[in-house]
Amino acid sequence: MSSETYEIIELSNGDVALRRAGHKEDPLVRIHFSDESLNFLREHKIAIARAMLEAGIEAVQDLSAIEPEPFEEEDVDIAEHTIH
């Protein structure tokens, strides 16, 4: 992301979102917490969403510092896998 200013907002449906400051367009990211999560988080919902967004921004910044590896196609057997 650039050096633009971003703001964390709460949408009318209760989701937390990140958007460019001063812009009314669709947010760049939305976070939706389940009812179960909201019961657990209570008044800390915004703080947790902020931590999640900051971690995401940091991850993007780290990715931009990594040189992508060349892509090589290979024959792969396609199968379903459960990832835990």
PDB file of N, CA and C in Angstrom:
ATOM      1  N   MET A   1       0.833  -1.176   0.000  1.00  0.00           N
ATOM      2  CA  MET A   1       0.000   0.000   0.000  1.00  0.00           C
ATOM      3  C   MET A   1       0.877   1.239   0.000  1.00  0.00           C
ATOM      4  N   SER A   2       0.361   2.297  -0.516  1.00  0.00           N
ATOM      5  CA  SER A   2       1.112   3.540  -0.612  1.00  0.00           C
ATOM      6  C   SER A   2       1.085   4.286   0.720  1.00  0.00           C
ATOM      7  N   SER A   3       1.598   5.508   0.703  1.00  0.00           N
ATOM      8  CA  SER A   3       1.625   6.309   1.922  1.00  0.00           C
ATOM      9  C   SER A   3       0.334   7.099   2.112  1.00  0.00           C
ATOM     10  N   GLU A   4      -0.732   6.693   1.449  1.00  0.00           N
ATOM     11  CA  GLU A   4      -2.030   7.335   1.642  1.00  0.00           C
ATOM     12  C   GLU A   4      -2.490   7.122   3.075  1.00  0.00           C
ATOM     13  N   THR A   5      -3.476   7.922   3.473  1.00  0.00           N
ATOM     14  CA  THR A   5      -4.061   7.764   4.796  1.00  0.00           C
ATOM     15  C   THR A   5      -5.289   6.877   4.681  1.00  0.00           C
ATOM     16  N   TYR A   6      -5.405   5.950   5.587  1.00  0.00           N
ATOM     17  CA  TYR A   6      -6.529   5.029   5.619  1.00  0.00           C
ATOM     18  C   TYR A   6      -7.258   5.187   6.941  1.00  0.00           C
ATOM     19  N   GLU A   7      -8.527   4.796   6.955  1.00  0.00           N
ATOM     20  CA  GLU A   7      -9.295   4.866   8.187  1.00  0.00           C
ATOM     21  C   GLU A   7     -10.034   3.556   8.404  1.00  0.00           C
ATOM     22  N   ILE A   8     -10.182   3.228   9.667  1.00  0.00           N
ATOM     23  CA  ILE A   8     -10.951   2.050  10.055  1.00  0.00           C
ATOM     24  C   ILE A   8     -12.332   2.557  10.442  1.00  0.00           C
ATOM     25  N   ILE A   9     -13.347   1.956   9.839  1.00  0.00           N
ATOM     26  CA  ILE A   9     -14.718   2.390  10.089  1.00  0.00           C
ATOM     27  C   ILE A   9     -15.576   1.191  10.474  1.00  0.00           C
ATOM     28  N   GLU A  10     -16.690   1.476  11.117  1.00  0.00           N
ATOM     29  CA  GLU A  10     -17.673   0.435  11.385  1.00  0.00           C
ATOM     30  C   GLU A  10     -18.851   0.676  10.443  1.00  0.00           C
ATOM     31  N   LEU A  11     -19.192  -0.333   9.667  1.00  0.00           N
ATOM     32  CA  LEU A  11     -20.282  -0.237   8.707  1.00  0.00           C
ATOM     33  C   LEU A  11     -21.629  -0.392   9.412  1.00  0.00           C
ATOM     34  N   SER A  12     -22.688  -0.006   8.740  1.00  0.00           N
ATOM     35  CA  SER A  12     -24.027  -0.060   9.335  1.00  0.00           C
ATOM     36  C   SER A  12     -24.442  -1.485   9.735  1.00  0.00           C
ATOM     37  N   ASN A  13     -23.860  -2.497   9.077  1.00  0.00           N
ATOM     38  CA  ASN A  13     -24.182  -3.890   9.426  1.00  0.00           C
ATOM     39  C   ASN A  13     -23.304  -4.434  10.552  1.00  0.00           C
ATOM     40  N   GLY A  14     -22.412  -3.589  11.104  1.00  0.00           N
ATOM     41  CA  GLY A  14     -21.553  -4.012  12.210  1.00  0.00           C
ATOM     42  C   GLY A  14     -20.180  -4.494  11.786  1.00  0.00           C
ATOM     43  N   ASP A  15     -19.976  -4.702  10.487  1.00  0.00           N
ATOM     44  CA  ASP A  15     -18.643  -5.107  10.012  1.00  0.00           C
ATOM     45  C   ASP A  15     -17.666  -3.956  10.216  1.00  0.00           C
ATOM     46  N   VAL A  16     -16.404  -4.295  10.362  1.00  0.00           N
ATOM     47  CA  VAL A  16     -15.340  -3.302  10.471  1.00  0.00           C
ATOM     48  C   VAL A  16     -14.640  -3.282   9.120  1.00  0.00           C
ATOM     49  N   ALA A  17     -14.283  -2.091   8.642  1.00  0.00           N
ATOM     50  CA  ALA A  17     -13.718  -1.978   7.303  1.00  0.00           C
ATOM     51  C   ALA A  17     -12.553  -0.994   7.279  1.00  0.00           C
ATOM     52  N   LEU A  18     -11.717  -1.159   6.260  1.00  0.00           N
ATOM     53  CA  LEU A  18     -10.598  -0.257   6.009  1.00  0.00           C
ATOM     54  C   LEU A  18     -10.857   0.415   4.668  1.00  0.00           C
ATOM     55  N   ARG A  19     -10.774   1.750   4.652  1.00  0.00           N
ATOM     56  CA  ARG A  19     -10.933   2.478   3.395  1.00  0.00           C
ATOM     57  C   ARG A  19      -9.996   3.678   3.387  1.00  0.00           C
ATOM     58  N   ARG A  20      -9.816   4.240   2.204  1.00  0.00           N
ATOM     59  CA  ARG A  20      -9.017   5.454   2.075  1.00  0.00           C
ATOM     60  C   ARG A  20      -9.735   6.579   2.814  1.00  0.00           C
ATOM     61  N   ALA A  21      -8.978   7.346   3.595  1.00  0.00           N
ATOM     62  CA  ALA A  21      -9.568   8.435   4.372  1.00  0.00           C
ATOM     63  C   ALA A  21     -10.245   9.438   3.443  1.00  0.00           C
ATOM     64  N   GLY A  22     -11.453   9.816   3.805  1.00  0.00           N
ATOM     65  CA  GLY A  22     -12.176  10.814   3.045  1.00  0.00           C
ATOM     66  C   GLY A  22     -12.901  10.305   1.819  1.00  0.00           C
ATOM     67  N   HIS A  23     -12.746   9.033   1.513  1.00  0.00           N
ATOM     68  CA  HIS A  23     -13.419   8.454   0.349  1.00  0.00           C
ATOM     69  C   HIS A  23     -14.643   7.677   0.816  1.00  0.00           C
ATOM     70  N   LYS A  24     -15.702   7.747   0.055  1.00  0.00           N
ATOM     71  CA  LYS A  24     -16.934   7.036   0.407  1.00  0.00           C
ATOM     72  C   LYS A  24     -17.130   5.774  -0.426  1.00  0.00           C
ATOM     73  N   GLU A  25     -16.136   5.424  -1.255  1.00  0.00           N
ATOM     74  CA  GLU A  25     -16.249   4.236  -2.101  1.00  0.00           C
ATOM     75  C   GLU A  25     -16.217   2.964  -1.251  1.00  0.00           C
ATOM     76  N   ASP A  26     -16.403   1.830  -1.906  1.00  0.00           N
ATOM     77  CA  ASP A  26     -16.356   0.554  -1.201  1.00  0.00           C
ATOM     78  C   ASP A  26     -15.032   0.424  -0.444  1.00  0.00           C
ATOM     79  N   PRO A  27     -15.084  -0.137   0.757  1.00  0.00           N
ATOM     80  CA  PRO A  27     -13.859  -0.336   1.533  1.00  0.00           C
ATOM     81  C   PRO A  27     -12.900  -1.296   0.825  1.00  0.00           C
ATOM     82  N   LEU A  28     -11.628  -1.176   1.152  1.00  0.00           N
ATOM     83  CA  LEU A  28     -10.614  -2.076   0.609  1.00  0.00           C
ATOM     84  C   LEU A  28     -10.718  -3.462   1.246  1.00  0.00           C
ATOM     85  N   VAL A  29     -11.062  -3.488   2.537  1.00  0.00           N
ATOM     86  CA  VAL A  29     -11.156  -4.737   3.298  1.00  0.00           C
ATOM     87  C   VAL A  29     -12.340  -4.627   4.256  1.00  0.00           C
ATOM     88  N   ARG A  30     -13.060  -5.726   4.409  1.00  0.00           N
ATOM     89  CA  ARG A  30     -14.144  -5.807   5.399  1.00  0.00           C
ATOM     90  C   ARG A  30     -13.864  -6.989   6.313  1.00  0.00           C
ATOM     91  N   ILE A  31     -14.141  -6.798   7.594  1.00  0.00           N
ATOM     92  CA  ILE A  31     -14.010  -7.885   8.567  1.00  0.00           C
ATOM     93  C   ILE A  31     -15.387  -8.118   9.177  1.00  0.00           C
ATOM     94  N   HIS A  32     -15.845  -9.355   9.080  1.00  0.00           N
ATOM     95  CA  HIS A  32     -17.131  -9.730   9.660  1.00  0.00           C
ATOM     96  C   HIS A  32     -16.876 -10.723  10.788  1.00  0.00           C
ATOM     97  N   PHE A  33     -17.338 -10.396  11.977  1.00  0.00           N
ATOM     98  CA  PHE A  33     -17.224 -11.298  13.121  1.00  0.00           C
ATOM     99  C   PHE A  33     -18.546 -12.033  13.304  1.00  0.00           C
ATOM    100  N   SER A  34     -18.480 -13.316  13.559  1.00  0.00           N
ATOM    101  CA  SER A  34     -19.692 -14.089  13.829  1.00  0.00           C
ATOM    102  C   SER A  34     -20.288 -13.650  15.166  1.00  0.00           C
ATOM    103  N   ASP A  35     -21.534 -14.019  15.388  1.00  0.00           N
ATOM    104  CA  ASP A  35     -22.182 -13.698  16.668  1.00  0.00           C
ATOM    105  C   ASP A  35     -21.406 -14.298  17.832  1.00  0.00           C
ATOM    106  N   GLU A  36     -20.916 -15.509  17.643  1.00  0.00           N
ATOM    107  CA  GLU A  36     -20.132 -16.170  18.694  1.00  0.00           C
ATOM    108  C   GLU A  36     -18.877 -15.371  19.008  1.00  0.00           C
ATOM    109  N   SER A  37     -18.184 -14.894  17.970  1.00  0.00           N
ATOM    110  CA  SER A  37     -16.988 -14.084  18.172  1.00  0.00           C
ATOM    111  C   SER A  37     -17.317 -12.772  18.879  1.00  0.00           C
ATOM    112  N   LEU A  38     -18.402 -12.138  18.463  1.00  0.00           N
ATOM    113  CA  LEU A  38     -18.802 -10.869  19.083  1.00  0.00           C
ATOM    114  C   LEU A  38     -19.125 -11.043  20.554  1.00  0.00           C
ATOM    115  N   ASN A  39     -19.736 -12.179  20.913  1.00  0.00           N
ATOM    116  CA  ASN A  39     -20.006 -12.473  22.319  1.00  0.00           C
ATOM    117  C   ASN A  39     -18.713 -12.540  23.116  1.00  0.00           C
ATOM    118  N   PHE A  40     -17.713 -13.119  22.525  1.00  0.00           N
ATOM    119  CA  PHE A  40     -16.420 -13.266  23.185  1.00  0.00           C
ATOM    120  C   PHE A  40     -15.661 -11.932  23.233  1.00  0.00           C
ATOM    121  N   LEU A  41     -15.644 -11.208  22.130  1.00  0.00           N
ATOM    122  CA  LEU A  41     -14.855  -9.979  22.020  1.00  0.00           C
ATOM    123  C   LEU A  41     -15.464  -8.795  22.760  1.00  0.00           C
ATOM    124  N   ARG A  42     -16.778  -8.713  22.774  1.00  0.00           N
ATOM    125  CA  ARG A  42     -17.528  -7.604  23.365  1.00  0.00           C
ATOM    126  C   ARG A  42     -17.012  -6.264  22.882  1.00  0.00           C
ATOM    127  N   GLU A  43     -16.586  -5.397  23.788  1.00  0.00           N
ATOM    128  CA  GLU A  43     -16.174  -4.041  23.413  1.00  0.00           C
ATOM    129  C   GLU A  43     -14.789  -3.984  22.771  1.00  0.00           C
ATOM    130  N   HIS A  44     -14.130  -5.117  22.608  1.00  0.00           N
ATOM    131  CA  HIS A  44     -12.784  -5.154  22.028  1.00  0.00           C
ATOM    132  C   HIS A  44     -12.789  -5.428  20.522  1.00  0.00           C
ATOM    133  N   LYS A  45     -13.958  -5.456  19.916  1.00  0.00           N
ATOM    134  CA  LYS A  45     -14.086  -5.783  18.492  1.00  0.00           C
ATOM    135  C   LYS A  45     -13.211  -4.880  17.622  1.00  0.00           C
ATOM    136  N   ILE A  46     -13.251  -3.581  17.835  1.00  0.00           N
ATOM    137  CA  ILE A  46     -12.490  -2.643  17.003  1.00  0.00           C
ATOM    138  C   ILE A  46     -10.990  -2.842  17.213  1.00  0.00           C
ATOM    139  N   ALA A  47     -10.566  -3.050  18.446  1.00  0.00           N
ATOM    140  CA  ALA A  47      -9.139  -3.255  18.725  1.00  0.00           C
ATOM    141  C   ALA A  47      -8.625  -4.514  18.032  1.00  0.00           C
ATOM    142  N   ILE A  48      -9.417  -5.571  18.039  1.00  0.00           N
ATOM    143  CA  ILE A  48      -9.010  -6.809  17.379  1.00  0.00           C
ATOM    144  C   ILE A  48      -8.985  -6.617  15.865  1.00  0.00           C
ATOM    145  N   ALA A  49      -9.995  -5.947  15.330  1.00  0.00           N
ATOM    146  CA  ALA A  49     -10.022  -5.678  13.889  1.00  0.00           C
ATOM    147  C   ALA A  49      -8.816  -4.832  13.487  1.00  0.00           C
ATOM    148  N   ARG A  50      -8.466  -3.837  14.289  1.00  0.00           N
ATOM    149  CA  ARG A  50      -7.306  -2.997  13.996  1.00  0.00           C
ATOM    150  C   ARG A  50      -6.024  -3.842  13.960  1.00  0.00           C
ATOM    151  N   ALA A  51      -5.871  -4.739  14.927  1.00  0.00           N
ATOM    152  CA  ALA A  51      -4.688  -5.604  14.951  1.00  0.00           C
ATOM    153  C   ALA A  51      -4.641  -6.493  13.707  1.00  0.00           C
ATOM    154  N   MET A  52      -5.800  -6.992  13.284  1.00  0.00           N
ATOM    155  CA  MET A  52      -5.861  -7.831  12.092  1.00  0.00           C
ATOM    156  C   MET A  52      -5.474  -7.029  10.849  1.00  0.00           C
ATOM    157  N   LEU A  53      -5.989  -5.812  10.743  1.00  0.00           N
ATOM    158  CA  LEU A  53      -5.677  -4.968   9.586  1.00  0.00           C
ATOM    159  C   LEU A  53      -4.205  -4.573   9.570  1.00  0.00           C
ATOM    160  N   GLU A  54      -3.657  -4.222  10.730  1.00  0.00           N
ATOM    161  CA  GLU A  54      -2.235  -3.863  10.801  1.00  0.00           C
ATOM    162  C   GLU A  54      -1.356  -5.043  10.398  1.00  0.00           C
ATOM    163  N   ALA A  55      -1.729  -6.254  10.829  1.00  0.00           N
ATOM    164  CA  ALA A  55      -0.963  -7.447  10.451  1.00  0.00           C
ATOM    165  C   ALA A  55      -1.041  -7.672   8.946  1.00  0.00           C
ATOM    166  N   GLY A  56      -2.201  -7.444   8.362  1.00  0.00           N
ATOM    167  CA  GLY A  56      -2.359  -7.593   6.915  1.00  0.00           C
ATOM    168  C   GLY A  56      -1.525  -6.592   6.144  1.00  0.00           C
ATOM    169  N   ILE A  57      -1.516  -5.341   6.593  1.00  0.00           N
ATOM    170  CA  ILE A  57      -0.709  -4.305   5.936  1.00  0.00           C
ATOM    171  C   ILE A  57       0.763  -4.649   6.031  1.00  0.00           C
ATOM    172  N   GLU A  58       1.190  -5.104   7.198  1.00  0.00           N
ATOM    173  CA  GLU A  58       2.595  -5.490   7.382  1.00  0.00           C
ATOM    174  C   GLU A  58       2.956  -6.662   6.465  1.00  0.00           C
ATOM    175  N   ALA A  59       2.054  -7.621   6.331  1.00  0.00           N
ATOM    176  CA  ALA A  59       2.308  -8.771   5.454  1.00  0.00           C
ATOM    177  C   ALA A  59       2.451  -8.322   4.005  1.00  0.00           C
ATOM    178  N   VAL A  60       1.623  -7.380   3.576  1.00  0.00           N
ATOM    179  CA  VAL A  60       1.709  -6.868   2.201  1.00  0.00           C
ATOM    180  C   VAL A  60       3.041  -6.153   1.995  1.00  0.00           C
ATOM    181  N   GLN A  61       3.454  -5.370   2.980  1.00  0.00           N
ATOM    182  CA  GLN A  61       4.737  -4.676   2.877  1.00  0.00           C
ATOM    183  C   GLN A  61       5.882  -5.681   2.798  1.00  0.00           C
ATOM    184  N   ASP A  62       5.813  -6.757   3.572  1.00  0.00           N
ATOM    185  CA  ASP A  62       6.844  -7.798   3.525  1.00  0.00           C
ATOM    186  C   ASP A  62       6.861  -8.482   2.162  1.00  0.00           C
ATOM    187  N   LEU A  63       5.682  -8.721   1.587  1.00  0.00           N
ATOM    188  CA  LEU A  63       5.599  -9.369   0.281  1.00  0.00           C
ATOM    189  C   LEU A  63       6.234  -8.522  -0.810  1.00  0.00           C
ATOM    190  N   SER A  64       6.052  -7.211  -0.714  1.00  0.00           N
ATOM    191  CA  SER A  64       6.592  -6.344  -1.754  1.00  0.00           C
ATOM    192  C   SER A  64       8.114  -6.305  -1.713  1.00  0.00           C
ATOM    193  N   ALA A  65       8.712  -6.711  -0.609  1.00  0.00           N
ATOM    194  CA  ALA A  65      10.172  -6.736  -0.501  1.00  0.00           C
ATOM    195  C   ALA A  65      10.764  -8.038  -1.041  1.00  0.00           C
ATOM    196  N   ILE A  66       9.905  -9.022  -1.274  1.00  0.00           N
ATOM    197  CA  ILE A  66      10.360 -10.329  -1.749  1.00  0.00           C
ATOM    198  C   ILE A  66      10.284 -10.371  -3.267  1.00  0.00           C
ATOM    199  N   GLU A  67      11.345 -10.808  -3.886  1.00  0.00           N
ATOM    200  CA  GLU A  67      11.365 -10.976  -5.341  1.00  0.00           C
ATOM    201  C   GLU A  67      10.603 -12.255  -5.685  1.00  0.00           C
ATOM    202  N   PRO A  68       9.606 -12.169  -6.559  1.00  0.00           N
ATOM    203  CA  PRO A  68       8.856 -13.374  -6.902  1.00  0.00           C
ATOM    204  C   PRO A  68       9.743 -14.396  -7.622  1.00  0.00           C
ATOM    205  N   GLU A  69       9.521 -15.661  -7.288  1.00  0.00           N
ATOM    206  CA  GLU A  69      10.264 -16.729  -7.939  1.00  0.00           C
ATOM    207  C   GLU A  69       9.641 -17.016  -9.299  1.00  0.00           C
ATOM    208  N   PRO A  70      10.448 -17.398 -10.266  1.00  0.00           N
ATOM    209  CA  PRO A  70       9.894 -17.733 -11.577  1.00  0.00           C
ATOM    210  C   PRO A  70       8.919 -18.908 -11.462  1.00  0.00           C
ATOM    211  N   PHE A  71       7.845 -18.834 -12.218  1.00  0.00           N
ATOM    212  CA  PHE A  71       6.824 -19.873 -12.181  1.00  0.00           C
ATOM    213  C   PHE A  71       7.137 -20.933 -13.219  1.00  0.00           C
ATOM    214  N   GLU A  72       7.150 -22.185 -12.777  1.00  0.00           N
ATOM    215  CA  GLU A  72       7.357 -23.297 -13.698  1.00  0.00           C
ATOM    216  C   GLU A  72       6.190 -24.256 -13.547  1.00  0.00           C
ATOM    217  N   GLU A  73       5.578 -24.606 -14.670  1.00  0.00           N
ATOM    218  CA  GLU A  73       4.480 -25.561 -14.619  1.00  0.00           C
ATOM    219  C   GLU A  73       5.035 -26.958 -14.411  1.00  0.00           C
ATOM    220  N   GLU A  74       4.290 -27.739 -13.670  1.00  0.00           N
ATOM    221  CA  GLU A  74       4.662 -29.131 -13.480  1.00  0.00           C
ATOM    222  C   GLU A  74       3.395 -29.964 -13.436  1.00  0.00           C
ATOM    223  N   ASP A  75       3.519 -31.233 -13.736  1.00  0.00           N
ATOM    224  CA  ASP A  75       2.368 -32.123 -13.683  1.00  0.00           C
ATOM    225  C   ASP A  75       2.068 -32.445 -12.227  1.00  0.00           C
ATOM    226  N   VAL A  76       0.830 -32.187 -11.827  1.00  0.00           N
ATOM    227  CA  VAL A  76       0.425 -32.423 -10.450  1.00  0.00           C
ATOM    228  C   VAL A  76      -0.887 -33.188 -10.465  1.00  0.00           C
ATOM    229  N   ASP A  77      -0.982 -34.215  -9.620  1.00  0.00           N
ATOM    230  CA  ASP A  77      -2.241 -34.914  -9.451  1.00  0.00           C
ATOM    231  C   ASP A  77      -3.155 -34.035  -8.604  1.00  0.00           C
ATOM    232  N   ILE A  78      -4.343 -33.757  -9.118  1.00  0.00           N
ATOM    233  CA  ILE A  78      -5.280 -32.923  -8.395  1.00  0.00           C
ATOM    234  C   ILE A  78      -6.100 -33.807  -7.468  1.00  0.00           C
ATOM    235  N   ALA A  79      -6.094 -33.476  -6.185  1.00  0.00           N
ATOM    236  CA  ALA A  79      -6.860 -34.220  -5.195  1.00  0.00           C
ATOM    237  C   ALA A  79      -7.330 -33.238  -4.131  1.00  0.00           C
ATOM    238  N   GLU A  80      -8.407 -33.585  -3.455  1.00  0.00           N
ATOM    239  CA  GLU A  80      -8.883 -32.736  -2.375  1.00  0.00           C
ATOM    240  C   GLU A  80      -8.068 -33.004  -1.122  1.00  0.00           C
ATOM    241  N   HIS A  81      -7.773 -31.907  -0.426  1.00  0.00           N
ATOM    242  CA  HIS A  81      -7.029 -32.016   0.834  1.00  0.00           C
ATOM    243  C   HIS A  81      -7.688 -31.097   1.847  1.00  0.00           C
ATOM    244  N   THR A  82      -7.783 -31.550   3.088  1.00  0.00           N
ATOM    245  CA  THR A  82      -8.276 -30.708   4.163  1.00  0.00           C
ATOM    246  C   THR A  82      -7.081 -30.054   4.829  1.00  0.00           C
ATOM    247  N   ILE A  83      -7.149 -28.727   4.933  1.00  0.00           N
ATOM    248  CA  ILE A  83      -6.057 -27.994   5.562  1.00  0.00           C
ATOM    249  C   ILE A  83      -6.558 -27.527   6.922  1.00  0.00           C
ATOM    250  N   HIS A  84      -5.811 -27.851   7.952  1.00  0.00           N
ATOM    251  CA  HIS A  84      -6.224 -27.484   9.318  1.00  0.00           C
ATOM    252  C   HIS A  84      -5.398 -26.355   9.817  1.00  0.00           C
TER     253      HIS A  84
END
